[in-house]
Amino acid sequence: MMDIHQILEKLPHRYPFLLVDRVLEVEVGKRIKALKNVSINEPFFMGHFPHRPVMPGVLMLEALAQAAALLSFADRNLQSDRNTVIYFVGIDGARFKRPVEPGDQLLLEVDVDRAKGGIHKFNARGRVGEELACEAQLMCTMRSIAPTAA
């Protein structure tokens, strides 16, 4: 398990773009289960859509990618730093099956498919209760970047 303080140590994301609230389970090198609590106070609901708020699909995929990043960091026992970034390099087979609305808990389930040549491929699903909300194959890579002057 990982609480929000531990997540903040691992990921560089911050409000309003941090989309993982808690990690429920991690099996290093294999899978992760995490939660995103969806609140009416999310800034995107002001415009998506005011008459019927729905979490944008691209943000569901981003939440899954952040969970995948947490799994990658756990696999290497690393923490985020200013010189290491995990980049999205691909999304395949993205499907949206159910709207995610304020008050929902989006369960993020990510399994490692394979890692080859610095590219990590994950099978990812987002669920609300027992219902599948979204699914996709995500590809990410971890890169060192040049330090920036302060």
N, C-alpha and C. Protein backbone atom coordinates (compact mmCIF):
# COMPACT_ATOMS: atom_id res chain seq x y z
N MET A 1 0.84 -1.19 0.00
CA MET A 1 0.00 0.00 0.00
C MET A 1 0.87 1.24 0.00
N MET A 2 0.30 2.31 -0.51
CA MET A 2 1.01 3.58 -0.59
C MET A 2 -0.02 4.69 -0.40
N ASP A 3 0.24 5.60 0.53
CA ASP A 3 -0.69 6.71 0.73
C ASP A 3 -0.26 7.89 -0.14
N ILE A 4 -1.02 8.98 -0.05
CA ILE A 4 -0.76 10.14 -0.92
C ILE A 4 0.63 10.72 -0.70
N HIS A 5 1.13 10.69 0.52
CA HIS A 5 2.46 11.24 0.80
C HIS A 5 3.55 10.44 0.09
N GLN A 6 3.41 9.12 0.08
CA GLN A 6 4.36 8.27 -0.61
C GLN A 6 4.24 8.42 -2.13
N ILE A 7 3.02 8.60 -2.61
CA ILE A 7 2.80 8.83 -4.05
C ILE A 7 3.49 10.12 -4.47
N LEU A 8 3.35 11.17 -3.67
CA LEU A 8 3.97 12.46 -3.98
C LEU A 8 5.50 12.36 -4.02
N GLU A 9 6.07 11.42 -3.25
CA GLU A 9 7.52 11.20 -3.29
C GLU A 9 7.94 10.51 -4.58
N LYS A 10 7.05 9.72 -5.15
CA LYS A 10 7.39 8.93 -6.35
C LYS A 10 7.11 9.65 -7.66
N LEU A 11 5.96 10.36 -7.73
CA LEU A 11 5.54 11.00 -8.99
C LEU A 11 5.85 12.48 -8.97
N PRO A 12 6.19 13.05 -10.13
CA PRO A 12 6.41 14.50 -10.21
C PRO A 12 5.11 15.29 -10.35
N HIS A 13 4.00 14.63 -10.63
CA HIS A 13 2.72 15.32 -10.86
C HIS A 13 2.21 15.97 -9.58
N ARG A 14 1.52 17.10 -9.76
CA ARG A 14 0.89 17.82 -8.65
C ARG A 14 -0.48 18.29 -9.10
N TYR A 15 -1.28 18.76 -8.13
CA TYR A 15 -2.61 19.26 -8.43
C TYR A 15 -2.52 20.31 -9.53
N PRO A 16 -3.41 20.30 -10.50
CA PRO A 16 -4.58 19.44 -10.63
C PRO A 16 -4.33 18.19 -11.48
N PHE A 17 -3.06 17.85 -11.69
CA PHE A 17 -2.78 16.75 -12.61
C PHE A 17 -2.38 15.45 -11.94
N LEU A 18 -2.27 15.42 -10.63
CA LEU A 18 -2.03 14.16 -9.94
C LEU A 18 -3.35 13.40 -9.89
N LEU A 19 -3.39 12.22 -10.48
CA LEU A 19 -4.66 11.49 -10.65
C LEU A 19 -4.67 10.14 -9.95
N VAL A 20 -3.76 9.92 -9.01
CA VAL A 20 -3.77 8.71 -8.19
C VAL A 20 -3.81 9.15 -6.74
N ASP A 21 -4.81 8.68 -6.00
CA ASP A 21 -4.98 9.07 -4.59
C ASP A 21 -4.40 8.06 -3.62
N ARG A 22 -4.39 6.79 -3.98
CA ARG A 22 -3.92 5.75 -3.06
C ARG A 22 -3.56 4.51 -3.87
N VAL A 23 -2.52 3.82 -3.42
CA VAL A 23 -2.16 2.53 -4.01
C VAL A 23 -2.62 1.46 -3.03
N LEU A 24 -3.41 0.52 -3.52
CA LEU A 24 -3.96 -0.55 -2.69
C LEU A 24 -3.06 -1.77 -2.64
N GLU A 25 -2.48 -2.13 -3.79
CA GLU A 25 -1.62 -3.31 -3.88
C GLU A 25 -0.54 -3.07 -4.92
N VAL A 26 0.64 -3.59 -4.64
CA VAL A 26 1.72 -3.62 -5.63
C VAL A 26 2.37 -4.99 -5.57
N GLU A 27 2.47 -5.62 -6.70
CA GLU A 27 3.27 -6.83 -6.85
C GLU A 27 4.40 -6.44 -7.78
N VAL A 28 5.55 -6.16 -7.18
CA VAL A 28 6.68 -5.56 -7.91
C VAL A 28 6.99 -6.37 -9.17
N GLY A 29 7.09 -5.63 -10.27
CA GLY A 29 7.40 -6.25 -11.56
C GLY A 29 6.22 -6.92 -12.23
N LYS A 30 5.03 -6.89 -11.57
CA LYS A 30 3.88 -7.60 -12.15
C LYS A 30 2.63 -6.74 -12.27
N ARG A 31 2.16 -6.15 -11.15
CA ARG A 31 0.88 -5.45 -11.22
C ARG A 31 0.74 -4.44 -10.10
N ILE A 32 -0.25 -3.55 -10.29
CA ILE A 32 -0.58 -2.55 -9.29
C ILE A 32 -2.09 -2.31 -9.32
N LYS A 33 -2.65 -2.03 -8.15
CA LYS A 33 -4.04 -1.58 -8.02
C LYS A 33 -4.01 -0.27 -7.26
N ALA A 34 -4.64 0.74 -7.83
CA ALA A 34 -4.65 2.06 -7.21
C ALA A 34 -6.03 2.68 -7.35
N LEU A 35 -6.27 3.78 -6.64
CA LEU A 35 -7.57 4.46 -6.66
C LEU A 35 -7.44 5.91 -7.06
N LYS A 36 -8.43 6.34 -7.81
CA LYS A 36 -8.66 7.76 -8.08
C LYS A 36 -10.06 8.06 -7.57
N ASN A 37 -10.16 8.90 -6.54
CA ASN A 37 -11.46 9.34 -6.05
C ASN A 37 -11.92 10.50 -6.91
N VAL A 38 -13.04 10.35 -7.56
CA VAL A 38 -13.52 11.37 -8.49
C VAL A 38 -14.51 12.28 -7.76
N SER A 39 -14.13 13.54 -7.62
CA SER A 39 -14.92 14.52 -6.88
C SER A 39 -15.52 15.56 -7.83
N ILE A 40 -16.66 16.09 -7.46
CA ILE A 40 -17.27 17.17 -8.26
C ILE A 40 -16.36 18.40 -8.29
N ASN A 41 -15.42 18.48 -7.36
CA ASN A 41 -14.50 19.62 -7.29
C ASN A 41 -13.36 19.54 -8.30
N GLU A 42 -13.29 18.49 -9.11
CA GLU A 42 -12.24 18.39 -10.13
C GLU A 42 -12.39 19.56 -11.10
N PRO A 43 -11.29 20.23 -11.44
CA PRO A 43 -11.40 21.41 -12.30
C PRO A 43 -11.97 21.14 -13.69
N PHE A 44 -11.77 19.94 -14.23
CA PHE A 44 -12.25 19.65 -15.58
C PHE A 44 -13.77 19.56 -15.66
N PHE A 45 -14.46 19.33 -14.54
CA PHE A 45 -15.92 19.21 -14.58
C PHE A 45 -16.61 20.53 -14.91
N MET A 46 -15.92 21.66 -14.71
CA MET A 46 -16.52 22.95 -15.06
C MET A 46 -16.87 23.03 -16.54
N GLY A 47 -16.08 22.35 -17.37
CA GLY A 47 -16.33 22.42 -18.80
C GLY A 47 -16.66 21.09 -19.45
N HIS A 48 -16.66 19.99 -18.68
CA HIS A 48 -16.83 18.66 -19.28
C HIS A 48 -17.79 17.82 -18.46
N PHE A 49 -18.98 17.91 -18.50
CA PHE A 49 -19.86 18.91 -19.10
C PHE A 49 -20.65 19.51 -17.97
N PRO A 50 -20.89 20.83 -17.98
CA PRO A 50 -21.57 21.47 -16.85
C PRO A 50 -22.95 20.86 -16.54
N HIS A 51 -23.68 20.43 -17.56
CA HIS A 51 -25.01 19.86 -17.35
C HIS A 51 -24.99 18.38 -16.98
N ARG A 52 -23.89 17.68 -17.26
CA ARG A 52 -23.74 16.26 -16.93
C ARG A 52 -22.25 15.94 -16.81
N PRO A 53 -21.66 16.19 -15.64
CA PRO A 53 -20.20 16.03 -15.50
C PRO A 53 -19.74 14.59 -15.74
N VAL A 54 -18.73 14.45 -16.62
CA VAL A 54 -18.14 13.16 -16.96
C VAL A 54 -16.63 13.34 -17.01
N MET A 55 -15.89 12.41 -16.40
CA MET A 55 -14.42 12.47 -16.45
C MET A 55 -13.96 12.22 -17.88
N PRO A 56 -13.13 13.12 -18.43
CA PRO A 56 -12.64 12.90 -19.80
C PRO A 56 -11.84 11.60 -19.92
N GLY A 57 -12.05 10.90 -21.03
CA GLY A 57 -11.36 9.63 -21.26
C GLY A 57 -9.86 9.77 -21.23
N VAL A 58 -9.34 10.84 -21.76
CA VAL A 58 -7.90 11.04 -21.78
C VAL A 58 -7.34 11.14 -20.37
N LEU A 59 -8.13 11.66 -19.42
CA LEU A 59 -7.67 11.73 -18.03
C LEU A 59 -7.75 10.38 -17.34
N MET A 60 -8.70 9.53 -17.76
CA MET A 60 -8.73 8.16 -17.25
C MET A 60 -7.45 7.44 -17.69
N LEU A 61 -7.05 7.63 -18.95
CA LEU A 61 -5.82 7.01 -19.45
C LEU A 61 -4.60 7.57 -18.73
N GLU A 62 -4.60 8.87 -18.45
CA GLU A 62 -3.49 9.47 -17.71
C GLU A 62 -3.41 8.90 -16.30
N ALA A 63 -4.55 8.69 -15.64
CA ALA A 63 -4.54 8.08 -14.31
C ALA A 63 -3.94 6.68 -14.37
N LEU A 64 -4.30 5.91 -15.39
CA LEU A 64 -3.73 4.58 -15.56
C LEU A 64 -2.22 4.66 -15.82
N ALA A 65 -1.79 5.64 -16.60
CA ALA A 65 -0.37 5.82 -16.88
C ALA A 65 0.40 6.19 -15.61
N GLN A 66 -0.21 7.02 -14.76
CA GLN A 66 0.45 7.38 -13.50
C GLN A 66 0.58 6.14 -12.60
N ALA A 67 -0.44 5.28 -12.59
CA ALA A 67 -0.34 4.04 -11.83
C ALA A 67 0.78 3.16 -12.42
N ALA A 68 0.88 3.11 -13.75
CA ALA A 68 1.96 2.35 -14.39
C ALA A 68 3.32 2.91 -14.00
N ALA A 69 3.43 4.23 -13.92
CA ALA A 69 4.69 4.86 -13.51
C ALA A 69 5.04 4.46 -12.09
N LEU A 70 4.05 4.45 -11.20
CA LEU A 70 4.30 4.02 -9.81
C LEU A 70 4.79 2.58 -9.77
N LEU A 71 4.22 1.72 -10.62
CA LEU A 71 4.68 0.34 -10.71
C LEU A 71 6.12 0.29 -11.22
N SER A 72 6.44 1.11 -12.21
CA SER A 72 7.81 1.15 -12.75
C SER A 72 8.81 1.61 -11.69
N PHE A 73 8.45 2.65 -10.95
CA PHE A 73 9.33 3.13 -9.89
C PHE A 73 9.51 2.07 -8.81
N ALA A 74 8.43 1.34 -8.46
CA ALA A 74 8.52 0.29 -7.44
C ALA A 74 9.44 -0.83 -7.92
N ASP A 75 9.38 -1.14 -9.22
CA ASP A 75 10.19 -2.20 -9.80
C ASP A 75 11.68 -1.89 -9.68
N ARG A 76 12.01 -0.62 -9.74
CA ARG A 76 13.41 -0.21 -9.68
C ARG A 76 13.77 0.40 -8.33
N ASN A 77 12.81 0.41 -7.39
CA ASN A 77 12.99 1.03 -6.09
C ASN A 77 13.54 2.45 -6.23
N LEU A 78 12.94 3.20 -7.16
CA LEU A 78 13.37 4.57 -7.44
C LEU A 78 12.33 5.57 -6.97
N GLN A 79 12.76 6.80 -6.87
CA GLN A 79 11.85 7.91 -6.65
C GLN A 79 12.02 8.87 -7.82
N SER A 80 10.98 9.64 -8.06
CA SER A 80 11.07 10.65 -9.09
C SER A 80 12.11 11.68 -8.68
N ASP A 81 12.84 12.18 -9.63
CA ASP A 81 13.71 13.32 -9.37
C ASP A 81 13.66 14.22 -10.59
N ARG A 82 14.30 15.33 -10.51
CA ARG A 82 14.25 16.29 -11.62
C ARG A 82 14.96 15.78 -12.87
N ASN A 83 15.71 14.70 -12.74
CA ASN A 83 16.50 14.20 -13.87
C ASN A 83 15.96 12.90 -14.46
N THR A 84 14.85 12.38 -13.91
CA THR A 84 14.25 11.15 -14.43
C THR A 84 12.78 11.41 -14.74
N VAL A 85 12.37 11.05 -15.95
CA VAL A 85 10.99 11.26 -16.38
C VAL A 85 10.49 9.98 -17.04
N ILE A 86 9.23 9.65 -16.77
CA ILE A 86 8.60 8.54 -17.49
C ILE A 86 7.67 9.16 -18.52
N TYR A 87 7.92 8.83 -19.79
CA TYR A 87 7.14 9.37 -20.89
C TYR A 87 6.18 8.32 -21.43
N PHE A 88 5.00 8.76 -21.80
CA PHE A 88 4.07 7.97 -22.59
C PHE A 88 4.66 7.86 -23.98
N VAL A 89 4.72 6.67 -24.56
CA VAL A 89 5.17 6.55 -25.95
C VAL A 89 4.13 5.90 -26.85
N GLY A 90 3.03 5.41 -26.24
CA GLY A 90 1.98 4.85 -27.08
C GLY A 90 0.79 4.38 -26.28
N ILE A 91 -0.34 4.38 -26.96
CA ILE A 91 -1.59 3.84 -26.42
C ILE A 91 -2.23 3.03 -27.53
N ASP A 92 -2.56 1.80 -27.24
CA ASP A 92 -3.24 0.95 -28.21
C ASP A 92 -4.54 0.44 -27.60
N GLY A 93 -5.52 0.24 -28.45
CA GLY A 93 -6.76 -0.42 -28.05
C GLY A 93 -7.54 0.28 -26.96
N ALA A 94 -7.45 1.59 -26.88
CA ALA A 94 -8.20 2.32 -25.84
C ALA A 94 -9.70 2.19 -26.12
N ARG A 95 -10.43 1.79 -25.08
CA ARG A 95 -11.88 1.64 -25.18
C ARG A 95 -12.50 2.21 -23.91
N PHE A 96 -13.62 2.88 -24.09
CA PHE A 96 -14.34 3.49 -22.98
C PHE A 96 -15.71 2.84 -22.92
N LYS A 97 -16.00 2.20 -21.78
CA LYS A 97 -17.19 1.36 -21.67
C LYS A 97 -18.28 1.96 -20.79
N ARG A 98 -17.90 2.87 -19.90
CA ARG A 98 -18.85 3.41 -18.93
C ARG A 98 -18.37 4.80 -18.53
N PRO A 99 -19.29 5.78 -18.42
CA PRO A 99 -18.87 7.10 -17.95
C PRO A 99 -18.43 7.05 -16.49
N VAL A 100 -17.45 7.87 -16.16
CA VAL A 100 -16.99 8.03 -14.78
C VAL A 100 -17.46 9.40 -14.32
N GLU A 101 -18.24 9.41 -13.24
CA GLU A 101 -18.93 10.62 -12.79
C GLU A 101 -18.49 10.99 -11.38
N PRO A 102 -18.79 12.24 -10.97
CA PRO A 102 -18.47 12.64 -9.60
C PRO A 102 -19.06 11.66 -8.59
N GLY A 103 -18.25 11.35 -7.57
CA GLY A 103 -18.67 10.39 -6.55
C GLY A 103 -18.17 8.98 -6.80
N ASP A 104 -17.72 8.70 -8.04
CA ASP A 104 -17.19 7.38 -8.36
C ASP A 104 -15.78 7.22 -7.80
N GLN A 105 -15.42 5.99 -7.53
CA GLN A 105 -14.02 5.63 -7.27
C GLN A 105 -13.56 4.84 -8.48
N LEU A 106 -12.55 5.36 -9.15
CA LEU A 106 -11.99 4.69 -10.32
C LEU A 106 -10.85 3.80 -9.84
N LEU A 107 -11.06 2.48 -9.93
CA LEU A 107 -10.04 1.51 -9.56
C LEU A 107 -9.12 1.32 -10.76
N LEU A 108 -7.85 1.59 -10.57
CA LEU A 108 -6.85 1.52 -11.63
C LEU A 108 -6.09 0.20 -11.49
N GLU A 109 -6.19 -0.66 -12.48
CA GLU A 109 -5.51 -1.95 -12.48
C GLU A 109 -4.54 -2.00 -13.66
N VAL A 110 -3.27 -2.18 -13.36
CA VAL A 110 -2.24 -2.18 -14.40
C VAL A 110 -1.37 -3.42 -14.22
N ASP A 111 -1.21 -4.18 -15.29
CA ASP A 111 -0.36 -5.37 -15.30
C ASP A 111 0.76 -5.17 -16.31
N VAL A 112 1.97 -5.63 -15.95
CA VAL A 112 3.09 -5.58 -16.88
C VAL A 112 2.86 -6.63 -17.95
N ASP A 113 2.94 -6.22 -19.21
CA ASP A 113 2.87 -7.16 -20.32
C ASP A 113 4.28 -7.59 -20.69
N ARG A 114 5.14 -6.59 -20.95
CA ARG A 114 6.55 -6.91 -21.24
C ARG A 114 7.38 -5.63 -21.18
N ALA A 115 8.67 -5.85 -21.05
CA ALA A 115 9.63 -4.75 -21.08
C ALA A 115 10.76 -5.18 -22.01
N LYS A 116 11.03 -4.34 -23.00
CA LYS A 116 12.06 -4.68 -23.97
C LYS A 116 12.65 -3.39 -24.53
N GLY A 117 13.94 -3.30 -24.54
CA GLY A 117 14.61 -2.14 -25.13
C GLY A 117 14.23 -0.82 -24.48
N GLY A 118 13.98 -0.84 -23.20
CA GLY A 118 13.64 0.40 -22.50
C GLY A 118 12.19 0.81 -22.63
N ILE A 119 11.41 0.05 -23.40
CA ILE A 119 9.97 0.33 -23.55
C ILE A 119 9.21 -0.68 -22.69
N HIS A 120 8.32 -0.17 -21.86
CA HIS A 120 7.51 -1.02 -21.00
C HIS A 120 6.07 -0.98 -21.52
N LYS A 121 5.49 -2.16 -21.67
CA LYS A 121 4.12 -2.27 -22.16
C LYS A 121 3.25 -2.80 -21.02
N PHE A 122 2.11 -2.15 -20.82
CA PHE A 122 1.20 -2.49 -19.73
C PHE A 122 -0.20 -2.73 -20.27
N ASN A 123 -0.91 -3.67 -19.66
CA ASN A 123 -2.34 -3.84 -19.88
C ASN A 123 -3.02 -3.12 -18.73
N ALA A 124 -3.91 -2.18 -19.05
CA ALA A 124 -4.49 -1.33 -18.03
C ALA A 124 -6.01 -1.31 -18.14
N ARG A 125 -6.65 -1.29 -16.97
CA ARG A 125 -8.11 -1.22 -16.90
C ARG A 125 -8.50 -0.26 -15.80
N GLY A 126 -9.58 0.46 -16.04
CA GLY A 126 -10.20 1.29 -15.02
C GLY A 126 -11.59 0.75 -14.74
N ARG A 127 -11.91 0.53 -13.47
CA ARG A 127 -13.22 -0.01 -13.10
C ARG A 127 -13.89 0.91 -12.09
N VAL A 128 -15.21 0.93 -12.16
CA VAL A 128 -16.03 1.55 -11.13
C VAL A 128 -16.88 0.40 -10.57
N GLY A 129 -16.61 0.04 -9.32
CA GLY A 129 -17.22 -1.17 -8.79
C GLY A 129 -16.75 -2.36 -9.61
N GLU A 130 -17.67 -3.16 -10.06
CA GLU A 130 -17.34 -4.31 -10.91
C GLU A 130 -17.42 -3.98 -12.40
N GLU A 131 -17.84 -2.75 -12.73
CA GLU A 131 -18.04 -2.38 -14.14
C GLU A 131 -16.75 -1.83 -14.76
N LEU A 132 -16.42 -2.34 -15.94
CA LEU A 132 -15.28 -1.83 -16.69
C LEU A 132 -15.61 -0.45 -17.24
N ALA A 133 -14.79 0.54 -16.91
CA ALA A 133 -14.99 1.90 -17.42
C ALA A 133 -14.10 2.17 -18.64
N CYS A 134 -12.86 1.67 -18.60
CA CYS A 134 -11.94 1.88 -19.73
C CYS A 134 -10.86 0.82 -19.69
N GLU A 135 -10.22 0.65 -20.84
CA GLU A 135 -9.10 -0.28 -20.95
C GLU A 135 -8.20 0.17 -22.08
N ALA A 136 -6.92 -0.17 -21.97
CA ALA A 136 -5.96 0.18 -23.02
C ALA A 136 -4.65 -0.55 -22.76
N GLN A 137 -3.84 -0.62 -23.79
CA GLN A 137 -2.45 -1.04 -23.65
C GLN A 137 -1.63 0.24 -23.67
N LEU A 138 -0.80 0.43 -22.66
CA LEU A 138 0.01 1.64 -22.53
C LEU A 138 1.47 1.28 -22.72
N MET A 139 2.20 2.15 -23.39
CA MET A 139 3.64 1.98 -23.54
C MET A 139 4.33 3.21 -22.99
N CYS A 140 5.35 2.96 -22.15
CA CYS A 140 6.07 4.04 -21.49
C CYS A 140 7.56 3.75 -21.54
N THR A 141 8.33 4.81 -21.38
CA THR A 141 9.78 4.66 -21.26
C THR A 141 10.28 5.62 -20.20
N MET A 142 11.32 5.22 -19.49
CA MET A 142 11.94 6.07 -18.48
C MET A 142 13.21 6.65 -19.08
N ARG A 143 13.36 7.96 -18.95
CA ARG A 143 14.51 8.64 -19.52
C ARG A 143 15.17 9.56 -18.50
N SER A 144 16.47 9.63 -18.57
CA SER A 144 17.20 10.63 -17.81
C SER A 144 17.26 11.87 -18.67
N ILE A 145 17.06 13.01 -18.04
CA ILE A 145 17.13 14.27 -18.77
C ILE A 145 18.22 15.13 -18.16
N ALA A 146 18.70 16.07 -18.93
CA ALA A 146 19.76 16.95 -18.44
C ALA A 146 19.21 17.83 -17.32
N PRO A 147 20.00 18.01 -16.26
CA PRO A 147 19.56 18.88 -15.17
C PRO A 147 19.35 20.30 -15.69
N THR A 148 18.34 20.97 -15.13
CA THR A 148 18.09 22.36 -15.50
C THR A 148 18.68 23.28 -14.45
N ALA A 149 19.07 24.44 -14.89
CA ALA A 149 19.62 25.43 -13.95
C ALA A 149 18.48 26.00 -13.11
N ALA A 150 18.73 26.19 -11.86
CA ALA A 150 17.68 26.68 -10.94
C ALA A 150 17.50 28.16 -11.02
